[in-house]
Amino acid sequence: MPFRHNGRSAMLGNADGTKRYLLDTNALVALLQGHADLLATVESADWLGVSVINVLEFLGFDGLSEIDRQLFNELLQRIAVVDLLGGNSALMALIIEIRQSKSLKLPDAIVMACAATH
């Protein structure tokens, strides 16, 4: 299954049938709110991650409660956080390609490129 963005999470399926999900900020909010369908999806995942961009977006929300912050930090201990490393020239090239070809804002292009590489 090719990369797609469905408004809840960036998803990437493998030819071997493994389920790998890179959650975006909307998915993180829905997950922490207990969205039943999303909970079922992530529970069946073989790999679950989040871009460092989405970590910054989530933690930067104005009015984020201490309970939400604690829940989010607990989630981060259980999933992969995909870093953005300047020395990763392949990732940088993909970010630029996605941004130019899809006319996306930089944070969205970064998330898409991270999902495609993980």
PDB file of N, CA and C in Angstrom:
ATOM      1  N   MET A   1       0.855  -1.169   0.000  1.00  0.00           N
ATOM      2  CA  MET A   1       0.000   0.000   0.000  1.00  0.00           C
ATOM      3  C   MET A   1       0.901   1.231   0.000  1.00  0.00           C
ATOM      4  N   PRO A   2       0.672   2.164  -0.895  1.00  0.00           N
ATOM      5  CA  PRO A   2       1.505   3.363  -0.938  1.00  0.00           C
ATOM      6  C   PRO A   2       1.176   4.309   0.197  1.00  0.00           C
ATOM      7  N   PHE A   3       2.055   5.261   0.405  1.00  0.00           N
ATOM      8  CA  PHE A   3       1.848   6.274   1.433  1.00  0.00           C
ATOM      9  C   PHE A   3       0.560   7.027   1.147  1.00  0.00           C
ATOM     10  N   ARG A   4      -0.196   7.299   2.185  1.00  0.00           N
ATOM     11  CA  ARG A   4      -1.366   8.157   2.038  1.00  0.00           C
ATOM     12  C   ARG A   4      -1.558   8.919   3.338  1.00  0.00           C
ATOM     13  N   HIS A   5      -2.268  10.014   3.236  1.00  0.00           N
ATOM     14  CA  HIS A   5      -2.575  10.818   4.411  1.00  0.00           C
ATOM     15  C   HIS A   5      -4.078  10.913   4.486  1.00  0.00           C
ATOM     16  N   ASN A   6      -4.658  10.433   5.577  1.00  0.00           N
ATOM     17  CA  ASN A   6      -6.116  10.361   5.653  1.00  0.00           C
ATOM     18  C   ASN A   6      -6.722  11.376   6.615  1.00  0.00           C
ATOM     19  N   GLY A   7      -5.959  12.351   7.060  1.00  0.00           N
ATOM     20  CA  GLY A   7      -6.496  13.337   7.981  1.00  0.00           C
ATOM     21  C   GLY A   7      -6.343  12.931   9.438  1.00  0.00           C
ATOM     22  N   ARG A   8      -6.043  11.678   9.698  1.00  0.00           N
ATOM     23  CA  ARG A   8      -5.825  11.227  11.072  1.00  0.00           C
ATOM     24  C   ARG A   8      -4.382  10.818  11.282  1.00  0.00           C
ATOM     25  N   SER A   9      -3.823  10.149  10.317  1.00  0.00           N
ATOM     26  CA  SER A   9      -2.445   9.713  10.482  1.00  0.00           C
ATOM     27  C   SER A   9      -1.811   9.500   9.130  1.00  0.00           C
ATOM     28  N   ALA A  10      -0.512   9.594   9.111  1.00  0.00           N
ATOM     29  CA  ALA A  10       0.219   9.247   7.910  1.00  0.00           C
ATOM     30  C   ALA A  10       0.476   7.751   7.996  1.00  0.00           C
ATOM     31  N   MET A  11       0.127   7.026   6.949  1.00  0.00           N
ATOM     32  CA  MET A  11       0.203   5.568   7.009  1.00  0.00           C
ATOM     33  C   MET A  11       1.079   5.028   5.895  1.00  0.00           C
ATOM     34  N   LEU A  12       1.775   3.989   6.224  1.00  0.00           N
ATOM     35  CA  LEU A  12       2.597   3.316   5.247  1.00  0.00           C
ATOM     36  C   LEU A  12       2.477   1.823   5.479  1.00  0.00           C
ATOM     37  N   GLY A  13       1.998   1.113   4.493  1.00  0.00           N
ATOM     38  CA  GLY A  13       1.924  -0.337   4.589  1.00  0.00           C
ATOM     39  C   GLY A  13       3.064  -0.951   3.808  1.00  0.00           C
ATOM     40  N   ASN A  14       3.497  -2.117   4.207  1.00  0.00           N
ATOM     41  CA  ASN A  14       4.580  -2.803   3.523  1.00  0.00           C
ATOM     42  C   ASN A  14       4.039  -3.949   2.697  1.00  0.00           C
ATOM     43  N   ALA A  15       4.804  -4.345   1.708  1.00  0.00           N
ATOM     44  CA  ALA A  15       4.401  -5.454   0.856  1.00  0.00           C
ATOM     45  C   ALA A  15       4.232  -6.736   1.669  1.00  0.00           C
ATOM     46  N   ASP A  16       4.933  -6.844   2.788  1.00  0.00           N
ATOM     47  CA  ASP A  16       4.835  -8.056   3.610  1.00  0.00           C
ATOM     48  C   ASP A  16       3.618  -8.042   4.526  1.00  0.00           C
ATOM     49  N   GLY A  17       2.804  -6.983   4.443  1.00  0.00           N
ATOM     50  CA  GLY A  17       1.569  -6.921   5.217  1.00  0.00           C
ATOM     51  C   GLY A  17       1.703  -6.310   6.596  1.00  0.00           C
ATOM     52  N   THR A  18       2.898  -5.856   6.949  1.00  0.00           N
ATOM     53  CA  THR A  18       3.034  -5.234   8.265  1.00  0.00           C
ATOM     54  C   THR A  18       2.325  -3.885   8.270  1.00  0.00           C
ATOM     55  N   LYS A  19       1.834  -3.524   9.437  1.00  0.00           N
ATOM     56  CA  LYS A  19       1.113  -2.264   9.600  1.00  0.00           C
ATOM     57  C   LYS A  19       2.009  -1.289  10.342  1.00  0.00           C
ATOM     58  N   ARG A  20       2.383  -0.215   9.631  1.00  0.00           N
ATOM     59  CA  ARG A  20       3.265   0.804  10.188  1.00  0.00           C
ATOM     60  C   ARG A  20       2.565   2.140  10.083  1.00  0.00           C
ATOM     61  N   TYR A  21       2.479   2.864  11.201  1.00  0.00           N
ATOM     62  CA  TYR A  21       1.761   4.126  11.232  1.00  0.00           C
ATOM     63  C   TYR A  21       2.624   5.229  11.833  1.00  0.00           C
ATOM     64  N   LEU A  22       2.692   6.335  11.127  1.00  0.00           N
ATOM     65  CA  LEU A  22       3.317   7.538  11.648  1.00  0.00           C
ATOM     66  C   LEU A  22       2.171   8.506  11.930  1.00  0.00           C
ATOM     67  N   LEU A  23       1.911   8.750  13.196  1.00  0.00           N
ATOM     68  CA  LEU A  23       0.763   9.556  13.602  1.00  0.00           C
ATOM     69  C   LEU A  23       1.054  11.042  13.441  1.00  0.00           C
ATOM     70  N   ASP A  24       0.079  11.785  12.920  1.00  0.00           N
ATOM     71  CA  ASP A  24       0.228  13.229  12.856  1.00  0.00           C
ATOM     72  C   ASP A  24      -0.437  13.841  14.085  1.00  0.00           C
ATOM     73  N   THR A  25      -0.419  15.149  14.180  1.00  0.00           N
ATOM     74  CA  THR A  25      -0.921  15.827  15.373  1.00  0.00           C
ATOM     75  C   THR A  25      -2.407  15.557  15.597  1.00  0.00           C
ATOM     76  N   ASN A  26      -3.205  15.563  14.528  1.00  0.00           N
ATOM     77  CA  ASN A  26      -4.630  15.268  14.667  1.00  0.00           C
ATOM     78  C   ASN A  26      -4.857  13.867  15.224  1.00  0.00           C
ATOM     79  N   ALA A  27      -4.058  12.914  14.764  1.00  0.00           N
ATOM     80  CA  ALA A  27      -4.183  11.546  15.259  1.00  0.00           C
ATOM     81  C   ALA A  27      -3.777  11.463  16.728  1.00  0.00           C
ATOM     82  N   LEU A  28      -2.760  12.202  17.113  1.00  0.00           N
ATOM     83  CA  LEU A  28      -2.331  12.203  18.512  1.00  0.00           C
ATOM     84  C   LEU A  28      -3.443  12.723  19.417  1.00  0.00           C
ATOM     85  N   VAL A  29      -4.075  13.810  19.002  1.00  0.00           N
ATOM     86  CA  VAL A  29      -5.177  14.381  19.781  1.00  0.00           C
ATOM     87  C   VAL A  29      -6.310  13.365  19.886  1.00  0.00           C
ATOM     88  N   ALA A  30      -6.698  12.766  18.751  1.00  0.00           N
ATOM     89  CA  ALA A  30      -7.795  11.785  18.744  1.00  0.00           C
ATOM     90  C   ALA A  30      -7.451  10.570  19.600  1.00  0.00           C
ATOM     91  N   LEU A  31      -6.220  10.116  19.532  1.00  0.00           N
ATOM     92  CA  LEU A  31      -5.794   8.956  20.312  1.00  0.00           C
ATOM     93  C   LEU A  31      -5.886   9.240  21.808  1.00  0.00           C
ATOM     94  N   LEU A  32      -5.410  10.396  22.224  1.00  0.00           N
ATOM     95  CA  LEU A  32      -5.452  10.745  23.640  1.00  0.00           C
ATOM     96  C   LEU A  32      -6.868  11.046  24.124  1.00  0.00           C
ATOM     97  N   GLN A  33      -7.779  11.320  23.180  1.00  0.00           N
ATOM     98  CA  GLN A  33      -9.183  11.508  23.537  1.00  0.00           C
ATOM     99  C   GLN A  33      -9.942  10.183  23.550  1.00  0.00           C
ATOM    100  N   GLY A  34      -9.248   9.094  23.183  1.00  0.00           N
ATOM    101  CA  GLY A  34      -9.858   7.774  23.246  1.00  0.00           C
ATOM    102  C   GLY A  34     -10.678   7.388  22.038  1.00  0.00           C
ATOM    103  N   HIS A  35     -10.390   7.949  20.875  1.00  0.00           N
ATOM    104  CA  HIS A  35     -11.104   7.626  19.644  1.00  0.00           C
ATOM    105  C   HIS A  35     -11.030   6.112  19.391  1.00  0.00           C
ATOM    106  N   ALA A  36     -12.175   5.441  19.441  1.00  0.00           N
ATOM    107  CA  ALA A  36     -12.229   3.972  19.417  1.00  0.00           C
ATOM    108  C   ALA A  36     -11.617   3.363  18.163  1.00  0.00           C
ATOM    109  N   ASP A  37     -11.948   3.885  16.986  1.00  0.00           N
ATOM    110  CA  ASP A  37     -11.411   3.321  15.741  1.00  0.00           C
ATOM    111  C   ASP A  37      -9.892   3.477  15.674  1.00  0.00           C
ATOM    112  N   LEU A  38      -9.417   4.636  16.093  1.00  0.00           N
ATOM    113  CA  LEU A  38      -7.978   4.871  16.066  1.00  0.00           C
ATOM    114  C   LEU A  38      -7.263   3.990  17.094  1.00  0.00           C
ATOM    115  N   LEU A  39      -7.860   3.829  18.262  1.00  0.00           N
ATOM    116  CA  LEU A  39      -7.276   2.936  19.272  1.00  0.00           C
ATOM    117  C   LEU A  39      -7.122   1.520  18.719  1.00  0.00           C
ATOM    118  N   ALA A  40      -8.157   1.033  18.038  1.00  0.00           N
ATOM    119  CA  ALA A  40      -8.103  -0.309  17.449  1.00  0.00           C
ATOM    120  C   ALA A  40      -7.009  -0.399  16.386  1.00  0.00           C
ATOM    121  N   THR A  41      -6.868   0.658  15.600  1.00  0.00           N
ATOM    122  CA  THR A  41      -5.848   0.676  14.548  1.00  0.00           C
ATOM    123  C   THR A  41      -4.449   0.620  15.142  1.00  0.00           C
ATOM    124  N   VAL A  42      -4.172   1.462  16.126  1.00  0.00           N
ATOM    125  CA  VAL A  42      -2.816   1.488  16.678  1.00  0.00           C
ATOM    126  C   VAL A  42      -2.505   0.237  17.495  1.00  0.00           C
ATOM    127  N   GLU A  43      -3.531  -0.359  18.100  1.00  0.00           N
ATOM    128  CA  GLU A  43      -3.297  -1.593  18.851  1.00  0.00           C
ATOM    129  C   GLU A  43      -2.895  -2.737  17.935  1.00  0.00           C
ATOM    130  N   SER A  44      -3.304  -2.686  16.673  1.00  0.00           N
ATOM    131  CA  SER A  44      -2.953  -3.751  15.733  1.00  0.00           C
ATOM    132  C   SER A  44      -1.674  -3.442  14.957  1.00  0.00           C
ATOM    133  N   ALA A  45      -1.052  -2.307  15.232  1.00  0.00           N
ATOM    134  CA  ALA A  45       0.133  -1.882  14.484  1.00  0.00           C
ATOM    135  C   ALA A  45       1.356  -2.701  14.842  1.00  0.00           C
ATOM    136  N   ASP A  46       2.199  -2.920  13.839  1.00  0.00           N
ATOM    137  CA  ASP A  46       3.493  -3.565  14.055  1.00  0.00           C
ATOM    138  C   ASP A  46       4.550  -2.538  14.448  1.00  0.00           C
ATOM    139  N   TRP A  47       4.342  -1.297  14.042  1.00  0.00           N
ATOM    140  CA  TRP A  47       5.257  -0.199  14.367  1.00  0.00           C
ATOM    141  C   TRP A  47       4.435   1.068  14.448  1.00  0.00           C
ATOM    142  N   LEU A  48       4.758   1.903  15.408  1.00  0.00           N
ATOM    143  CA  LEU A  48       4.035   3.156  15.602  1.00  0.00           C
ATOM    144  C   LEU A  48       5.053   4.248  15.877  1.00  0.00           C
ATOM    145  N   GLY A  49       4.907   5.368  15.182  1.00  0.00           N
ATOM    146  CA  GLY A  49       5.839   6.460  15.389  1.00  0.00           C
ATOM    147  C   GLY A  49       5.170   7.803  15.250  1.00  0.00           C
ATOM    148  N   VAL A  50       5.948   8.821  15.523  1.00  0.00           N
ATOM    149  CA  VAL A  50       5.512  10.210  15.411  1.00  0.00           C
ATOM    150  C   VAL A  50       6.728  11.035  15.018  1.00  0.00           C
ATOM    151  N   SER A  51       6.511  12.001  14.146  1.00  0.00           N
ATOM    152  CA  SER A  51       7.590  12.902  13.751  1.00  0.00           C
ATOM    153  C   SER A  51       7.874  13.884  14.879  1.00  0.00           C
ATOM    154  N   VAL A  52       9.113  14.267  15.010  1.00  0.00           N
ATOM    155  CA  VAL A  52       9.481  15.273  16.002  1.00  0.00           C
ATOM    156  C   VAL A  52       8.702  16.562  15.737  1.00  0.00           C
ATOM    157  N   ILE A  53       8.328  16.820  14.494  1.00  0.00           N
ATOM    158  CA  ILE A  53       7.521  17.994  14.156  1.00  0.00           C
ATOM    159  C   ILE A  53       6.178  17.932  14.881  1.00  0.00           C
ATOM    160  N   ASN A  54       5.551  16.745  14.876  1.00  0.00           N
ATOM    161  CA  ASN A  54       4.254  16.600  15.529  1.00  0.00           C
ATOM    162  C   ASN A  54       4.373  16.640  17.049  1.00  0.00           C
ATOM    163  N   VAL A  55       5.490  16.187  17.579  1.00  0.00           N
ATOM    164  CA  VAL A  55       5.729  16.314  19.019  1.00  0.00           C
ATOM    165  C   VAL A  55       5.756  17.792  19.391  1.00  0.00           C
ATOM    166  N   LEU A  56       6.486  18.582  18.616  1.00  0.00           N
ATOM    167  CA  LEU A  56       6.571  20.018  18.890  1.00  0.00           C
ATOM    168  C   LEU A  56       5.223  20.703  18.727  1.00  0.00           C
ATOM    169  N   GLU A  57       4.467  20.316  17.682  1.00  0.00           N
ATOM    170  CA  GLU A  57       3.140  20.907  17.499  1.00  0.00           C
ATOM    171  C   GLU A  57       2.234  20.591  18.675  1.00  0.00           C
ATOM    172  N   PHE A  58       2.218  19.327  19.100  1.00  0.00           N
ATOM    173  CA  PHE A  58       1.331  18.925  20.181  1.00  0.00           C
ATOM    174  C   PHE A  58       1.702  19.622  21.483  1.00  0.00           C
ATOM    175  N   LEU A  59       2.972  19.577  21.832  1.00  0.00           N
ATOM    176  CA  LEU A  59       3.399  20.182  23.095  1.00  0.00           C
ATOM    177  C   LEU A  59       3.312  21.704  23.073  1.00  0.00           C
ATOM    178  N   GLY A  60       3.227  22.292  21.887  1.00  0.00           N
ATOM    179  CA  GLY A  60       3.115  23.732  21.754  1.00  0.00           C
ATOM    180  C   GLY A  60       1.697  24.264  21.819  1.00  0.00           C
ATOM    181  N   PHE A  61       0.700  23.356  21.944  1.00  0.00           N
ATOM    182  CA  PHE A  61      -0.687  23.812  22.047  1.00  0.00           C
ATOM    183  C   PHE A  61      -0.858  24.702  23.259  1.00  0.00           C
ATOM    184  N   ASP A  62      -1.492  25.838  23.057  1.00  0.00           N
ATOM    185  CA  ASP A  62      -1.806  26.750  24.149  1.00  0.00           C
ATOM    186  C   ASP A  62      -2.886  26.116  25.018  1.00  0.00           C
ATOM    187  N   GLY A  63      -2.684  26.103  26.295  1.00  0.00           N
ATOM    188  CA  GLY A  63      -3.693  25.559  27.202  1.00  0.00           C
ATOM    189  C   GLY A  63      -3.630  24.060  27.379  1.00  0.00           C
ATOM    190  N   LEU A  64      -2.561  23.427  26.968  1.00  0.00           N
ATOM    191  CA  LEU A  64      -2.415  21.984  27.158  1.00  0.00           C
ATOM    192  C   LEU A  64      -2.355  21.693  28.660  1.00  0.00           C
ATOM    193  N   SER A  65      -3.227  20.802  29.118  1.00  0.00           N
ATOM    194  CA  SER A  65      -3.262  20.511  30.549  1.00  0.00           C
ATOM    195  C   SER A  65      -2.075  19.640  30.952  1.00  0.00           C
ATOM    196  N   GLU A  66      -1.770  19.655  32.225  1.00  0.00           N
ATOM    197  CA  GLU A  66      -0.676  18.821  32.737  1.00  0.00           C
ATOM    198  C   GLU A  66      -0.993  17.342  32.552  1.00  0.00           C
ATOM    199  N   ILE A  67      -2.243  16.958  32.690  1.00  0.00           N
ATOM    200  CA  ILE A  67      -2.649  15.562  32.481  1.00  0.00           C
ATOM    201  C   ILE A  67      -2.409  15.160  31.028  1.00  0.00           C
ATOM    202  N   ASP A  68      -2.801  16.037  30.070  1.00  0.00           N
ATOM    203  CA  ASP A  68      -2.564  15.756  28.653  1.00  0.00           C
ATOM    204  C   ASP A  68      -1.072  15.636  28.370  1.00  0.00           C
ATOM    205  N   ARG A  69      -0.291  16.510  28.982  1.00  0.00           N
ATOM    206  CA  ARG A  69       1.165  16.475  28.785  1.00  0.00           C
ATOM    207  C   ARG A  69       1.736  15.153  29.325  1.00  0.00           C
ATOM    208  N   GLN A  70       1.273  14.714  30.485  1.00  0.00           N
ATOM    209  CA  GLN A  70       1.745  13.455  31.069  1.00  0.00           C
ATOM    210  C   GLN A  70       1.345  12.263  30.198  1.00  0.00           C
ATOM    211  N   LEU A  71       0.094  12.241  29.744  1.00  0.00           N
ATOM    212  CA  LEU A  71      -0.359  11.156  28.859  1.00  0.00           C
ATOM    213  C   LEU A  71       0.461  11.113  27.582  1.00  0.00           C
ATOM    214  N   PHE A  72       0.719  12.276  27.023  1.00  0.00           N
ATOM    215  CA  PHE A  72       1.498  12.349  25.793  1.00  0.00           C
ATOM    216  C   PHE A  72       2.917  11.843  26.025  1.00  0.00           C
ATOM    217  N   ASN A  73       3.530  12.244  27.127  1.00  0.00           N
ATOM    218  CA  ASN A  73       4.888  11.780  27.418  1.00  0.00           C
ATOM    219  C   ASN A  73       4.932  10.272  27.652  1.00  0.00           C
ATOM    220  N   GLU A  74       3.875   9.720  28.245  1.00  0.00           N
ATOM    221  CA  GLU A  74       3.794   8.261  28.396  1.00  0.00           C
ATOM    222  C   GLU A  74       3.692   7.584  27.036  1.00  0.00           C
ATOM    223  N   LEU A  75       2.910   8.166  26.137  1.00  0.00           N
ATOM    224  CA  LEU A  75       2.795   7.624  24.785  1.00  0.00           C
ATOM    225  C   LEU A  75       4.146   7.651  24.084  1.00  0.00           C
ATOM    226  N   LEU A  76       4.880   8.751  24.235  1.00  0.00           N
ATOM    227  CA  LEU A  76       6.187   8.876  23.577  1.00  0.00           C
ATOM    228  C   LEU A  76       7.185   7.819  24.044  1.00  0.00           C
ATOM    229  N   GLN A  77       7.000   7.312  25.265  1.00  0.00           N
ATOM    230  CA  GLN A  77       7.879   6.265  25.773  1.00  0.00           C
ATOM    231  C   GLN A  77       7.608   4.922  25.097  1.00  0.00           C
ATOM    232  N   ARG A  78       6.447   4.790  24.454  1.00  0.00           N
ATOM    233  CA  ARG A  78       6.025   3.510  23.881  1.00  0.00           C
ATOM    234  C   ARG A  78       6.141   3.454  22.358  1.00  0.00           C
ATOM    235  N   ILE A  79       6.373   4.610  21.725  1.00  0.00           N
ATOM    236  CA  ILE A  79       6.443   4.649  20.266  1.00  0.00           C
ATOM    237  C   ILE A  79       7.754   5.285  19.820  1.00  0.00           C
ATOM    238  N   ALA A  80       8.045   5.192  18.540  1.00  0.00           N
ATOM    239  CA  ALA A  80       9.262   5.782  17.991  1.00  0.00           C
ATOM    240  C   ALA A  80       9.040   7.255  17.688  1.00  0.00           C
ATOM    241  N   VAL A  81      10.018   8.073  18.040  1.00  0.00           N
ATOM    242  CA  VAL A  81      10.004   9.481  17.654  1.00  0.00           C
ATOM    243  C   VAL A  81      11.025   9.620  16.528  1.00  0.00           C
ATOM    244  N   VAL A  82      10.531  10.010  15.354  1.00  0.00           N
ATOM    245  CA  VAL A  82      11.380  10.123  14.177  1.00  0.00           C
ATOM    246  C   VAL A  82      12.008  11.505  14.160  1.00  0.00           C
ATOM    247  N   ASP A  83      13.327  11.533  14.309  1.00  0.00           N
ATOM    248  CA  ASP A  83      14.072  12.788  14.341  1.00  0.00           C
ATOM    249  C   ASP A  83      14.315  13.312  12.937  1.00  0.00           C
ATOM    250  N   LEU A  84      14.639  14.563  12.867  1.00  0.00           N
ATOM    251  CA  LEU A  84      14.991  15.218  11.615  1.00  0.00           C
ATOM    252  C   LEU A  84      16.466  15.572  11.704  1.00  0.00           C
ATOM    253  N   LEU A  85      17.295  14.772  11.055  1.00  0.00           N
ATOM    254  CA  LEU A  85      18.731  14.962  11.135  1.00  0.00           C
ATOM    255  C   LEU A  85      19.250  15.628   9.871  1.00  0.00           C
ATOM    256  N   GLY A  86      19.974  16.709  10.049  1.00  0.00           N
ATOM    257  CA  GLY A  86      20.514  17.452   8.922  1.00  0.00           C
ATOM    258  C   GLY A  86      21.480  16.661   8.065  1.00  0.00           C
ATOM    259  N   GLY A  87      22.123  15.658   8.648  1.00  0.00           N
ATOM    260  CA  GLY A  87      23.073  14.850   7.904  1.00  0.00           C
ATOM    261  C   GLY A  87      22.424  13.778   7.044  1.00  0.00           C
ATOM    262  N   ASN A  88      21.112  13.635   7.146  1.00  0.00           N
ATOM    263  CA  ASN A  88      20.398  12.635   6.362  1.00  0.00           C
ATOM    264  C   ASN A  88      20.014  13.261   5.021  1.00  0.00           C
ATOM    265  N   SER A  89      20.945  13.228   4.080  1.00  0.00           N
ATOM    266  CA  SER A  89      20.731  13.909   2.800  1.00  0.00           C
ATOM    267  C   SER A  89      19.588  13.300   2.004  1.00  0.00           C
ATOM    268  N   ALA A  90      19.364  11.999   2.125  1.00  0.00           N
ATOM    269  CA  ALA A  90      18.251  11.367   1.399  1.00  0.00           C
ATOM    270  C   ALA A  90      16.912  11.894   1.920  1.00  0.00           C
ATOM    271  N   LEU A  91      16.791  12.024   3.240  1.00  0.00           N
ATOM    272  CA  LEU A  91      15.567  12.560   3.823  1.00  0.00           C
ATOM    273  C   LEU A  91      15.377  14.011   3.419  1.00  0.00           C
ATOM    274  N   MET A  92      16.443  14.787   3.465  1.00  0.00           N
ATOM    275  CA  MET A  92      16.352  16.195   3.077  1.00  0.00           C
ATOM    276  C   MET A  92      15.895  16.336   1.624  1.00  0.00           C
ATOM    277  N   ALA A  93      16.451  15.509   0.752  1.00  0.00           N
ATOM    278  CA  ALA A  93      16.067  15.565  -0.667  1.00  0.00           C
ATOM    279  C   ALA A  93      14.602  15.193  -0.855  1.00  0.00           C
ATOM    280  N   LEU A  94      14.143  14.197  -0.111  1.00  0.00           N
ATOM    281  CA  LEU A  94      12.743  13.783  -0.214  1.00  0.00           C
ATOM    282  C   LEU A  94      11.811  14.878   0.303  1.00  0.00           C
ATOM    283  N   ILE A  95      12.181  15.529   1.383  1.00  0.00           N
ATOM    284  CA  ILE A  95      11.373  16.637   1.916  1.00  0.00           C
ATOM    285  C   ILE A  95      11.231  17.727   0.855  1.00  0.00           C
ATOM    286  N   ILE A  96      12.318  18.085   0.230  1.00  0.00           N
ATOM    287  CA  ILE A  96      12.289  19.128  -0.805  1.00  0.00           C
ATOM    288  C   ILE A  96      11.431  18.682  -1.983  1.00  0.00           C
ATOM    289  N   GLU A  97      11.608  17.439  -2.407  1.00  0.00           N
ATOM    290  CA  GLU A  97      10.830  16.911  -3.534  1.00  0.00           C
ATOM    291  C   GLU A  97       9.325  16.932  -3.229  1.00  0.00           C
ATOM    292  N   ILE A  98       8.962  16.465  -2.049  1.00  0.00           N
ATOM    293  CA  ILE A  98       7.545  16.433  -1.666  1.00  0.00           C
ATOM    294  C   ILE A  98       6.991  17.846  -1.570  1.00  0.00           C
ATOM    295  N   ARG A  99       7.743  18.733  -0.966  1.00  0.00           N
ATOM    296  CA  ARG A  99       7.258  20.109  -0.802  1.00  0.00           C
ATOM    297  C   ARG A  99       7.030  20.772  -2.154  1.00  0.00           C
ATOM    298  N   GLN A 100       7.947  20.569  -3.082  1.00  0.00           N
ATOM    299  CA  GLN A 100       7.824  21.191  -4.394  1.00  0.00           C
ATOM    300  C   GLN A 100       6.738  20.538  -5.243  1.00  0.00           C
ATOM    301  N   SER A 101       6.655  19.224  -5.206  1.00  0.00           N
ATOM    302  CA  SER A 101       5.709  18.534  -6.083  1.00  0.00           C
ATOM    303  C   SER A 101       4.272  18.604  -5.584  1.00  0.00           C
ATOM    304  N   LYS A 102       4.084  18.773  -4.289  1.00  0.00           N
ATOM    305  CA  LYS A 102       2.734  18.779  -3.721  1.00  0.00           C
ATOM    306  C   LYS A 102       2.320  20.136  -3.170  1.00  0.00           C
ATOM    307  N   SER A 103       3.220  21.117  -3.272  1.00  0.00           N
ATOM    308  CA  SER A 103       2.945  22.479  -2.774  1.00  0.00           C
ATOM    309  C   SER A 103       2.470  22.470  -1.325  1.00  0.00           C
ATOM    310  N   LEU A 104       3.169  21.734  -0.500  1.00  0.00           N
ATOM    311  CA  LEU A 104       2.834  21.634   0.920  1.00  0.00           C
ATOM    312  C   LEU A 104       3.648  22.615   1.743  1.00  0.00           C
ATOM    313  N   LYS A 105       3.136  22.913   2.924  1.00  0.00           N
ATOM    314  CA  LYS A 105       3.913  23.673   3.891  1.00  0.00           C
ATOM    315  C   LYS A 105       5.037  22.766   4.386  1.00  0.00           C
ATOM    316  N   LEU A 106       6.116  23.368   4.813  1.00  0.00           N
ATOM    317  CA  LEU A 106       7.298  22.611   5.220  1.00  0.00           C
ATOM    318  C   LEU A 106       7.010  21.556   6.296  1.00  0.00           C
ATOM    319  N   PRO A 107       6.282  21.878   7.386  1.00  0.00           N
ATOM    320  CA  PRO A 107       6.039  20.832   8.390  1.00  0.00           C
ATOM    321  C   PRO A 107       5.308  19.607   7.819  1.00  0.00           C
ATOM    322  N   ASP A 108       4.344  19.829   6.933  1.00  0.00           N
ATOM    323  CA  ASP A 108       3.612  18.712   6.331  1.00  0.00           C
ATOM    324  C   ASP A 108       4.518  17.889   5.421  1.00  0.00           C
ATOM    325  N   ALA A 109       5.392  18.557   4.685  1.00  0.00           N
ATOM    326  CA  ALA A 109       6.338  17.841   3.817  1.00  0.00           C
ATOM    327  C   ALA A 109       7.315  17.012   4.651  1.00  0.00           C
ATOM    328  N   ILE A 110       7.738  17.543   5.789  1.00  0.00           N
ATOM    329  CA  ILE A 110       8.634  16.798   6.664  1.00  0.00           C
ATOM    330  C   ILE A 110       7.953  15.544   7.194  1.00  0.00           C
ATOM    331  N   VAL A 111       6.719  15.684   7.644  1.00  0.00           N
ATOM    332  CA  VAL A 111       5.984  14.536   8.170  1.00  0.00           C
ATOM    333  C   VAL A 111       5.786  13.476   7.090  1.00  0.00           C
ATOM    334  N   MET A 112       5.416  13.906   5.877  1.00  0.00           N
ATOM    335  CA  MET A 112       5.227  12.944   4.791  1.00  0.00           C
ATOM    336  C   MET A 112       6.521  12.216   4.457  1.00  0.00           C
ATOM    337  N   ALA A 113       7.625  12.952   4.407  1.00  0.00           N
ATOM    338  CA  ALA A 113       8.914  12.334   4.085  1.00  0.00           C
ATOM    339  C   ALA A 113       9.347  11.369   5.183  1.00  0.00           C
ATOM    340  N   CYS A 114       9.122  11.735   6.437  1.00  0.00           N
ATOM    341  CA  CYS A 114       9.454  10.829   7.549  1.00  0.00           C
ATOM    342  C   CYS A 114       8.623   9.560   7.478  1.00  0.00           C
ATOM    343  N   ALA A 115       7.347   9.694   7.144  1.00  0.00           N
ATOM    344  CA  ALA A 115       6.485   8.515   7.017  1.00  0.00           C
ATOM    345  C   ALA A 115       6.971   7.623   5.864  1.00  0.00           C
ATOM    346  N   ALA A 116       7.340   8.230   4.771  1.00  0.00           N
ATOM    347  CA  ALA A 116       7.779   7.460   3.603  1.00  0.00           C
ATOM    348  C   ALA A 116       9.081   6.714   3.876  1.00  0.00           C
ATOM    349  N   THR A 117       9.942   7.267   4.728  1.00  0.00           N
ATOM    350  CA  THR A 117      11.234   6.624   4.997  1.00  0.00           C
ATOM    351  C   THR A 117      11.186   5.672   6.182  1.00  0.00           C
ATOM    352  N   HIS A 118      10.108   5.693   6.944  1.00  0.00           N
ATOM    353  CA  HIS A 118       9.999   4.804   8.099  1.00  0.00           C
ATOM    354  C   HIS A 118       8.833   3.858   7.959  1.00  0.00           C
TER     355      HIS A 118
END
